[in-house]
PDB file of all heavy atoms in Angstrom:
ATOM      1  N   LYS A   1      22.844 -56.220  21.808  1.00  0.00           N
ATOM      2  CA  LYS A   1      21.401 -56.580  21.846  1.00  0.00           C
ATOM      3  C   LYS A   1      20.695 -55.698  22.840  1.00  0.00           C
ATOM      4  O   LYS A   1      19.584 -55.250  22.498  1.00  0.00           O
ATOM      5  CB  LYS A   1      21.227 -58.047  22.258  1.00  0.00           C
ATOM      6  CG  LYS A   1      21.562 -59.069  21.189  1.00  0.00           C
ATOM      7  CD  LYS A   1      21.381 -60.496  21.604  1.00  0.00           C
ATOM      8  CE  LYS A   1      21.734 -61.475  20.554  1.00  0.00           C
ATOM      9  NZ  LYS A   1      21.669 -62.877  21.021  1.00  0.00           N
ATOM     10  N   ASP A   2      21.205 -55.496  23.958  1.00  0.00           N
ATOM     11  CA  ASP A   2      20.537 -54.582  24.978  1.00  0.00           C
ATOM     12  C   ASP A   2      20.400 -53.193  24.472  1.00  0.00           C
ATOM     13  O   ASP A   2      19.373 -52.582  24.581  1.00  0.00           O
ATOM     14  CB  ASP A   2      21.299 -54.639  26.379  1.00  0.00           C
ATOM     15  CG  ASP A   2      21.046 -55.788  27.082  1.00  0.00           C
ATOM     16  OD1 ASP A   2      20.207 -56.628  26.854  1.00  0.00           O
ATOM     17  OD2 ASP A   2      21.894 -56.002  28.088  1.00  0.00           O
ATOM     18  N   SER A   3      21.507 -52.728  23.776  1.00  0.00           N
ATOM     19  CA  SER A   3      21.482 -51.406  23.197  1.00  0.00           C
ATOM     20  C   SER A   3      20.358 -51.281  22.148  1.00  0.00           C
ATOM     21  O   SER A   3      19.708 -50.239  22.050  1.00  0.00           O
ATOM     22  CB  SER A   3      22.856 -50.986  22.660  1.00  0.00           C
ATOM     23  OG  SER A   3      22.858 -49.847  22.116  1.00  0.00           O
ATOM     24  N   SER A   4      20.360 -52.343  21.333  1.00  0.00           N
ATOM     25  CA  SER A   4      19.315 -52.325  20.207  1.00  0.00           C
ATOM     26  C   SER A   4      17.932 -52.315  20.777  1.00  0.00           C
ATOM     27  O   SER A   4      17.007 -51.607  20.337  1.00  0.00           O
ATOM     28  CB  SER A   4      19.569 -53.485  19.307  1.00  0.00           C
ATOM     29  OG  SER A   4      18.586 -53.595  18.325  1.00  0.00           O
ATOM     30  N   LYS A   5      17.661 -53.179  21.743  1.00  0.00           N
ATOM     31  CA  LYS A   5      16.346 -53.197  22.433  1.00  0.00           C
ATOM     32  C   LYS A   5      16.061 -51.933  23.026  1.00  0.00           C
ATOM     33  O   LYS A   5      14.874 -51.442  23.017  1.00  0.00           O
ATOM     34  CB  LYS A   5      16.305 -54.309  23.490  1.00  0.00           C
ATOM     35  CG  LYS A   5      16.194 -55.741  22.846  1.00  0.00           C
ATOM     36  CD  LYS A   5      16.123 -56.707  24.133  1.00  0.00           C
ATOM     37  CE  LYS A   5      16.137 -58.135  23.601  1.00  0.00           C
ATOM     38  NZ  LYS A   5      16.167 -59.101  24.668  1.00  0.00           N
ATOM     39  N   ARG A   6      16.992 -51.278  23.777  1.00  0.00           N
ATOM     40  CA  ARG A   6      16.797 -50.047  24.350  1.00  0.00           C
ATOM     41  C   ARG A   6      16.375 -48.965  23.340  1.00  0.00           C
ATOM     42  O   ARG A   6      15.565 -48.193  23.600  1.00  0.00           O
ATOM     43  CB  ARG A   6      18.029 -49.644  25.183  1.00  0.00           C
ATOM     44  CG  ARG A   6      17.856 -48.567  26.070  1.00  0.00           C
ATOM     45  CD  ARG A   6      19.154 -48.291  27.106  1.00  0.00           C
ATOM     46  NE  ARG A   6      20.378 -48.637  26.546  1.00  0.00           N
ATOM     47  CZ  ARG A   6      21.048 -49.566  26.838  1.00  0.00           C
ATOM     48  NH1 ARG A   6      20.728 -50.441  27.821  1.00  0.00           N
ATOM     49  NH2 ARG A   6      22.285 -49.871  26.309  1.00  0.00           N
ATOM     50  N   ASP A   7      17.098 -48.951  22.180  1.00  0.00           N
ATOM     51  CA  ASP A   7      16.799 -47.946  21.145  1.00  0.00           C
ATOM     52  C   ASP A   7      15.381 -48.146  20.646  1.00  0.00           C
ATOM     53  O   ASP A   7      14.633 -47.044  20.504  1.00  0.00           O
ATOM     54  CB  ASP A   7      17.815 -48.100  19.971  1.00  0.00           C
ATOM     55  CG  ASP A   7      19.239 -47.672  20.311  1.00  0.00           C
ATOM     56  OD1 ASP A   7      19.423 -46.990  21.448  1.00  0.00           O
ATOM     57  OD2 ASP A   7      20.100 -48.008  19.647  1.00  0.00           O
ATOM     58  N   VAL A   8      14.911 -49.332  20.425  1.00  0.00           N
ATOM     59  CA  VAL A   8      13.547 -49.586  20.004  1.00  0.00           C
ATOM     60  C   VAL A   8      12.599 -49.108  21.071  1.00  0.00           C
ATOM     61  O   VAL A   8      11.532 -48.512  20.768  1.00  0.00           O
ATOM     62  CB  VAL A   8      13.274 -51.087  19.587  1.00  0.00           C
ATOM     63  CG1 VAL A   8      11.901 -51.408  19.402  1.00  0.00           C
ATOM     64  CG2 VAL A   8      14.150 -51.421  18.320  1.00  0.00           C
ATOM     65  N   PHE A   9      12.838 -49.581  22.304  1.00  0.00           N
ATOM     66  CA  PHE A   9      11.978 -49.171  23.462  1.00  0.00           C
ATOM     67  C   PHE A   9      11.908 -47.690  23.545  1.00  0.00           C
ATOM     68  O   PHE A   9      10.797 -47.156  23.642  1.00  0.00           O
ATOM     69  CB  PHE A   9      12.538 -49.723  24.738  1.00  0.00           C
ATOM     70  CG  PHE A   9      11.788 -49.299  25.949  1.00  0.00           C
ATOM     71  CD1 PHE A   9      10.608 -49.888  26.287  1.00  0.00           C
ATOM     72  CD2 PHE A   9      12.241 -48.206  26.738  1.00  0.00           C
ATOM     73  CE1 PHE A   9       9.849 -49.484  27.384  1.00  0.00           C
ATOM     74  CE2 PHE A   9      11.533 -47.891  27.865  1.00  0.00           C
ATOM     75  CZ  PHE A   9      10.405 -48.429  28.152  1.00  0.00           C
ATOM     76  N   ASN A  10      12.973 -46.920  23.386  1.00  0.00           N
ATOM     77  CA  ASN A  10      13.031 -45.430  23.549  1.00  0.00           C
ATOM     78  C   ASN A  10      12.236 -44.851  22.449  1.00  0.00           C
ATOM     79  O   ASN A  10      11.457 -43.900  22.578  1.00  0.00           O
ATOM     80  CB  ASN A  10      14.457 -44.897  23.646  1.00  0.00           C
ATOM     81  CG  ASN A  10      15.037 -45.226  24.950  1.00  0.00           C
ATOM     82  OD1 ASN A  10      14.339 -45.419  25.918  1.00  0.00           O
ATOM     83  ND2 ASN A  10      16.398 -45.226  24.892  1.00  0.00           N
ATOM     84  N   ALA A  11      12.423 -45.340  21.183  1.00  0.00           N
ATOM     85  CA  ALA A  11      11.673 -44.794  20.003  1.00  0.00           C
ATOM     86  C   ALA A  11      10.116 -45.001  20.185  1.00  0.00           C
ATOM     87  O   ALA A  11       9.347 -44.155  19.997  1.00  0.00           O
ATOM     88  CB  ALA A  11      12.150 -45.484  18.758  1.00  0.00           C
ATOM     89  N   ASN A  12       9.746 -46.202  20.653  1.00  0.00           N
ATOM     90  CA  ASN A  12       8.318 -46.505  20.884  1.00  0.00           C
ATOM     91  C   ASN A  12       7.768 -45.774  22.003  1.00  0.00           C
ATOM     92  O   ASN A  12       6.615 -45.150  21.962  1.00  0.00           O
ATOM     93  CB  ASN A  12       8.098 -48.019  21.145  1.00  0.00           C
ATOM     94  CG  ASN A  12       8.319 -48.891  19.958  1.00  0.00           C
ATOM     95  OD1 ASN A  12       8.186 -48.377  18.856  1.00  0.00           O
ATOM     96  ND2 ASN A  12       8.591 -50.109  20.182  1.00  0.00           N
ATOM     97  N   LYS A  13       8.639 -45.457  23.064  1.00  0.00           N
ATOM     98  CA  LYS A  13       8.149 -44.628  24.247  1.00  0.00           C
ATOM     99  C   LYS A  13       7.999 -43.159  23.749  1.00  0.00           C
ATOM    100  O   LYS A  13       6.964 -42.551  24.138  1.00  0.00           O
ATOM    101  CB  LYS A  13       9.147 -44.698  25.317  1.00  0.00           C
ATOM    102  CG  LYS A  13       8.707 -44.009  26.594  1.00  0.00           C
ATOM    103  CD  LYS A  13       9.572 -44.338  27.738  1.00  0.00           C
ATOM    104  CE  LYS A  13       9.288 -43.559  29.025  1.00  0.00           C
ATOM    105  NZ  LYS A  13       7.969 -43.121  29.256  1.00  0.00           N
ATOM    106  N   GLU A  14       8.828 -42.681  22.936  1.00  0.00           N
ATOM    107  CA  GLU A  14       8.701 -41.302  22.423  1.00  0.00           C
ATOM    108  C   GLU A  14       7.455 -41.144  21.571  1.00  0.00           C
ATOM    109  O   GLU A  14       6.709 -40.218  21.715  1.00  0.00           O
ATOM    110  CB  GLU A  14       9.942 -40.931  21.498  1.00  0.00           C
ATOM    111  CG  GLU A  14      11.111 -40.612  22.275  1.00  0.00           C
ATOM    112  CD  GLU A  14      12.369 -40.276  21.428  1.00  0.00           C
ATOM    113  OE1 GLU A  14      12.151 -39.932  20.257  1.00  0.00           O
ATOM    114  OE2 GLU A  14      13.465 -40.518  21.872  1.00  0.00           O
ATOM    115  N   LYS A  15       7.117 -42.158  20.787  1.00  0.00           N
ATOM    116  CA  LYS A  15       5.896 -42.152  19.900  1.00  0.00           C
ATOM    117  C   LYS A  15       4.617 -42.171  20.901  1.00  0.00           C
ATOM    118  O   LYS A  15       3.628 -41.440  20.577  1.00  0.00           O
ATOM    119  CB  LYS A  15       5.909 -43.339  18.912  1.00  0.00           C
ATOM    120  CG  LYS A  15       6.887 -43.143  17.794  1.00  0.00           C
ATOM    121  CD  LYS A  15       6.964 -44.453  16.913  1.00  0.00           C
ATOM    122  CE  LYS A  15       8.113 -44.365  16.023  1.00  0.00           C
ATOM    123  NZ  LYS A  15       8.255 -45.714  15.215  1.00  0.00           N
ATOM    124  N   GLY A  16       4.735 -43.073  21.818  1.00  0.00           N
ATOM    125  CA  GLY A  16       3.712 -43.219  22.844  1.00  0.00           C
ATOM    126  C   GLY A  16       3.392 -41.833  23.513  1.00  0.00           C
ATOM    127  O   GLY A  16       2.261 -41.369  23.662  1.00  0.00           O
ATOM    128  N   ASN A  17       4.557 -41.279  23.970  1.00  0.00           N
ATOM    129  CA  ASN A  17       4.418 -39.878  24.637  1.00  0.00           C
ATOM    130  C   ASN A  17       3.838 -38.844  23.753  1.00  0.00           C
ATOM    131  O   ASN A  17       2.972 -38.075  24.226  1.00  0.00           O
ATOM    132  CB  ASN A  17       5.769 -39.546  25.174  1.00  0.00           C
ATOM    133  CG  ASN A  17       6.225 -40.314  26.356  1.00  0.00           C
ATOM    134  OD1 ASN A  17       5.471 -41.052  27.024  1.00  0.00           O
ATOM    135  ND2 ASN A  17       7.549 -40.287  26.676  1.00  0.00           N
ATOM    136  N   ALA A  18       4.164 -38.819  22.520  1.00  0.00           N
ATOM    137  CA  ALA A  18       3.735 -37.839  21.544  1.00  0.00           C
ATOM    138  C   ALA A  18       2.180 -37.979  21.403  1.00  0.00           C
ATOM    139  O   ALA A  18       1.510 -37.075  21.269  1.00  0.00           O
ATOM    140  CB  ALA A  18       4.433 -37.965  20.239  1.00  0.00           C
ATOM    141  N   PHE A  19       1.758 -39.254  21.267  1.00  0.00           N
ATOM    142  CA  PHE A  19       0.328 -39.501  21.059  1.00  0.00           C
ATOM    143  C   PHE A  19      -0.431 -39.207  22.374  1.00  0.00           C
ATOM    144  O   PHE A  19      -1.479 -38.618  22.370  1.00  0.00           O
ATOM    145  CB  PHE A  19      -0.034 -40.948  20.658  1.00  0.00           C
ATOM    146  CG  PHE A  19      -1.449 -41.182  20.341  1.00  0.00           C
ATOM    147  CD1 PHE A  19      -2.133 -40.403  19.426  1.00  0.00           C
ATOM    148  CD2 PHE A  19      -2.106 -42.143  21.082  1.00  0.00           C
ATOM    149  CE1 PHE A  19      -3.456 -40.668  19.093  1.00  0.00           C
ATOM    150  CE2 PHE A  19      -3.480 -42.348  20.787  1.00  0.00           C
ATOM    151  CZ  PHE A  19      -4.156 -41.629  19.824  1.00  0.00           C
ATOM    152  N   GLU A  20       0.102 -39.458  23.489  1.00  0.00           N
ATOM    153  CA  GLU A  20      -0.520 -39.023  24.799  1.00  0.00           C
ATOM    154  C   GLU A  20      -0.703 -37.598  24.906  1.00  0.00           C
ATOM    155  O   GLU A  20      -1.641 -37.022  25.205  1.00  0.00           O
ATOM    156  CB  GLU A  20       0.284 -39.599  25.960  1.00  0.00           C
ATOM    157  CG  GLU A  20       0.234 -41.119  26.088  1.00  0.00           C
ATOM    158  CD  GLU A  20       1.130 -41.723  27.173  1.00  0.00           C
ATOM    159  OE1 GLU A  20       1.581 -40.923  28.013  1.00  0.00           O
ATOM    160  OE2 GLU A  20       1.354 -42.884  27.110  1.00  0.00           O
ATOM    161  N   ASP A  21       0.475 -36.844  24.455  1.00  0.00           N
ATOM    162  CA  ASP A  21       0.489 -35.366  24.495  1.00  0.00           C
ATOM    163  C   ASP A  21      -0.749 -34.922  23.556  1.00  0.00           C
ATOM    164  O   ASP A  21      -1.461 -33.962  23.878  1.00  0.00           O
ATOM    165  CB  ASP A  21       1.698 -34.772  23.999  1.00  0.00           C
ATOM    166  CG  ASP A  21       2.895 -34.898  24.955  1.00  0.00           C
ATOM    167  OD1 ASP A  21       2.611 -35.082  26.155  1.00  0.00           O
ATOM    168  OD2 ASP A  21       4.038 -34.798  24.557  1.00  0.00           O
ATOM    169  N   TYR A  22      -0.890 -35.496  22.409  1.00  0.00           N
ATOM    170  CA  TYR A  22      -1.967 -35.169  21.491  1.00  0.00           C
ATOM    171  C   TYR A  22      -3.383 -35.286  22.167  1.00  0.00           C
ATOM    172  O   TYR A  22      -4.151 -34.377  22.068  1.00  0.00           O
ATOM    173  CB  TYR A  22      -1.860 -36.028  20.224  1.00  0.00           C
ATOM    174  CG  TYR A  22      -3.060 -35.927  19.229  1.00  0.00           C
ATOM    175  CD1 TYR A  22      -3.077 -34.839  18.387  1.00  0.00           C
ATOM    176  CD2 TYR A  22      -4.083 -36.870  19.242  1.00  0.00           C
ATOM    177  CE1 TYR A  22      -4.120 -34.672  17.490  1.00  0.00           C
ATOM    178  CE2 TYR A  22      -5.080 -36.682  18.415  1.00  0.00           C
ATOM    179  CZ  TYR A  22      -5.169 -35.603  17.554  1.00  0.00           C
ATOM    180  OH  TYR A  22      -6.188 -35.559  16.705  1.00  0.00           O
ATOM    181  N   MET A  23      -3.564 -36.396  22.783  1.00  0.00           N
ATOM    182  CA  MET A  23      -4.842 -36.672  23.401  1.00  0.00           C
ATOM    183  C   MET A  23      -5.038 -35.702  24.601  1.00  0.00           C
ATOM    184  O   MET A  23      -6.215 -35.217  24.850  1.00  0.00           O
ATOM    185  CB  MET A  23      -4.881 -38.113  24.004  1.00  0.00           C
ATOM    186  CG  MET A  23      -5.051 -39.142  22.819  1.00  0.00           C
ATOM    187  SD  MET A  23      -6.417 -38.935  21.731  1.00  0.00           S
ATOM    188  CE  MET A  23      -7.781 -39.119  22.766  1.00  0.00           C
ATOM    189  N   ILE A  24      -3.958 -35.414  25.368  1.00  0.00           N
ATOM    190  CA  ILE A  24      -4.077 -34.417  26.498  1.00  0.00           C
ATOM    191  C   ILE A  24      -4.496 -33.045  25.982  1.00  0.00           C
ATOM    192  O   ILE A  24      -5.468 -32.442  26.476  1.00  0.00           O
ATOM    193  CB  ILE A  24      -2.794 -34.336  27.273  1.00  0.00           C
ATOM    194  CG1 ILE A  24      -2.549 -35.523  28.038  1.00  0.00           C
ATOM    195  CG2 ILE A  24      -2.825 -33.129  28.210  1.00  0.00           C
ATOM    196  CD1 ILE A  24      -1.162 -35.600  28.690  1.00  0.00           C
ATOM    197  N   GLN A  25      -3.862 -32.606  24.846  1.00  0.00           N
ATOM    198  CA  GLN A  25      -4.253 -31.328  24.243  1.00  0.00           C
ATOM    199  C   GLN A  25      -5.697 -31.312  23.709  1.00  0.00           C
ATOM    200  O   GLN A  25      -6.341 -30.379  23.838  1.00  0.00           O
ATOM    201  CB  GLN A  25      -3.183 -30.863  23.244  1.00  0.00           C
ATOM    202  CG  GLN A  25      -1.825 -30.652  23.739  1.00  0.00           C
ATOM    203  CD  GLN A  25      -1.858 -29.520  24.824  1.00  0.00           C
ATOM    204  OE1 GLN A  25      -2.464 -28.414  24.575  1.00  0.00           O
ATOM    205  NE2 GLN A  25      -1.280 -29.818  25.998  1.00  0.00           N
ATOM    206  N   LEU A  26      -6.065 -32.500  23.117  1.00  0.00           N
ATOM    207  CA  LEU A  26      -7.341 -32.588  22.507  1.00  0.00           C
ATOM    208  C   LEU A  26      -8.442 -32.502  23.559  1.00  0.00           C
ATOM    209  O   LEU A  26      -9.481 -31.799  23.448  1.00  0.00           O
ATOM    210  CB  LEU A  26      -7.440 -33.882  21.712  1.00  0.00           C
ATOM    211  CG  LEU A  26      -8.653 -34.099  20.790  1.00  0.00           C
ATOM    212  CD1 LEU A  26      -8.713 -32.960  19.673  1.00  0.00           C
ATOM    213  CD2 LEU A  26      -8.603 -35.423  20.194  1.00  0.00           C
ATOM    214  N   LEU A  27      -8.320 -33.243  24.580  1.00  0.00           N
ATOM    215  CA  LEU A  27      -9.360 -33.415  25.663  1.00  0.00           C
ATOM    216  C   LEU A  27      -9.242 -32.348  26.732  1.00  0.00           C
ATOM    217  O   LEU A  27     -10.208 -31.904  27.315  1.00  0.00           O
ATOM    218  CB  LEU A  27      -9.335 -34.751  26.326  1.00  0.00           C
ATOM    219  CG  LEU A  27      -9.647 -35.970  25.479  1.00  0.00           C
ATOM    220  CD1 LEU A  27      -9.402 -37.274  26.170  1.00  0.00           C
ATOM    221  CD2 LEU A  27     -11.084 -35.887  24.974  1.00  0.00           C
ATOM    222  N   GLY A  28      -7.986 -32.040  27.090  1.00  0.00           N
ATOM    223  CA  GLY A  28      -7.743 -31.080  28.196  1.00  0.00           C
ATOM    224  C   GLY A  28      -8.314 -29.695  27.942  1.00  0.00           C
ATOM    225  O   GLY A  28      -8.481 -28.965  28.918  1.00  0.00           O
ATOM    226  N   LYS A  29      -8.622 -29.378  26.768  1.00  0.00           N
ATOM    227  CA  LYS A  29      -9.059 -27.950  26.454  1.00  0.00           C
ATOM    228  C   LYS A  29     -10.608 -27.889  26.375  1.00  0.00           C
ATOM    229  O   LYS A  29     -11.203 -26.829  26.306  1.00  0.00           O
ATOM    230  CB  LYS A  29      -8.542 -27.492  25.065  1.00  0.00           C
ATOM    231  CG  LYS A  29      -7.045 -27.296  25.108  1.00  0.00           C
ATOM    232  CD  LYS A  29      -6.581 -26.824  23.778  1.00  0.00           C
ATOM    233  CE  LYS A  29      -4.969 -26.657  23.958  1.00  0.00           C
ATOM    234  NZ  LYS A  29      -4.328 -26.359  22.599  1.00  0.00           N
ATOM    235  N   GLU A  30     -11.234 -29.112  26.636  1.00  0.00           N
ATOM    236  CA  GLU A  30     -12.679 -29.109  26.655  1.00  0.00           C
ATOM    237  C   GLU A  30     -13.271 -28.681  27.911  1.00  0.00           C
ATOM    238  O   GLU A  30     -12.666 -28.920  29.002  1.00  0.00           O
ATOM    239  CB  GLU A  30     -13.180 -30.533  26.318  1.00  0.00           C
ATOM    240  CG  GLU A  30     -12.918 -30.958  24.914  1.00  0.00           C
ATOM    241  CD  GLU A  30     -13.614 -30.086  23.892  1.00  0.00           C
ATOM    242  OE1 GLU A  30     -14.909 -29.987  23.787  1.00  0.00           O
ATOM    243  OE2 GLU A  30     -12.891 -29.515  23.017  1.00  0.00           O
ATOM    244  N   LYS A  31     -14.444 -28.006  27.768  1.00  0.00           N
ATOM    245  CA  LYS A  31     -15.101 -27.477  28.991  1.00  0.00           C
ATOM    246  C   LYS A  31     -15.440 -28.562  29.951  1.00  0.00           C
ATOM    247  O   LYS A  31     -16.056 -29.600  29.567  1.00  0.00           O
ATOM    248  CB  LYS A  31     -16.333 -26.732  28.615  1.00  0.00           C
ATOM    249  CG  LYS A  31     -16.992 -26.014  29.785  1.00  0.00           C
ATOM    250  CD  LYS A  31     -18.206 -25.193  29.362  1.00  0.00           C
ATOM    251  CE  LYS A  31     -18.847 -24.659  30.641  1.00  0.00           C
ATOM    252  NZ  LYS A  31     -19.775 -23.705  30.316  1.00  0.00           N
ATOM    253  N   GLY A  32     -15.058 -28.369  31.224  1.00  0.00           N
ATOM    254  CA  GLY A  32     -15.453 -29.469  32.218  1.00  0.00           C
ATOM    255  C   GLY A  32     -14.394 -30.462  32.381  1.00  0.00           C
ATOM    256  O   GLY A  32     -14.602 -31.357  33.244  1.00  0.00           O
ATOM    257  N   VAL A  33     -13.449 -30.607  31.512  1.00  0.00           N
ATOM    258  CA  VAL A  33     -12.404 -31.680  31.545  1.00  0.00           C
ATOM    259  C   VAL A  33     -11.175 -31.173  32.254  1.00  0.00           C
ATOM    260  O   VAL A  33     -10.706 -30.129  32.045  1.00  0.00           O
ATOM    261  CB  VAL A  33     -12.040 -32.196  30.023  1.00  0.00           C
ATOM    262  CG1 VAL A  33     -11.034 -33.205  30.196  1.00  0.00           C
ATOM    263  CG2 VAL A  33     -13.252 -32.690  29.416  1.00  0.00           C
TER     264      VAL A  33
END
């Protein structure tokens, strides 16, 4: 059960990190940001 929960948590964390990276690249290149 712990292993299964950990796998789901890690998959969700990876997706969250990928979306955060997307937002950083989108906003971070704007002038003044």
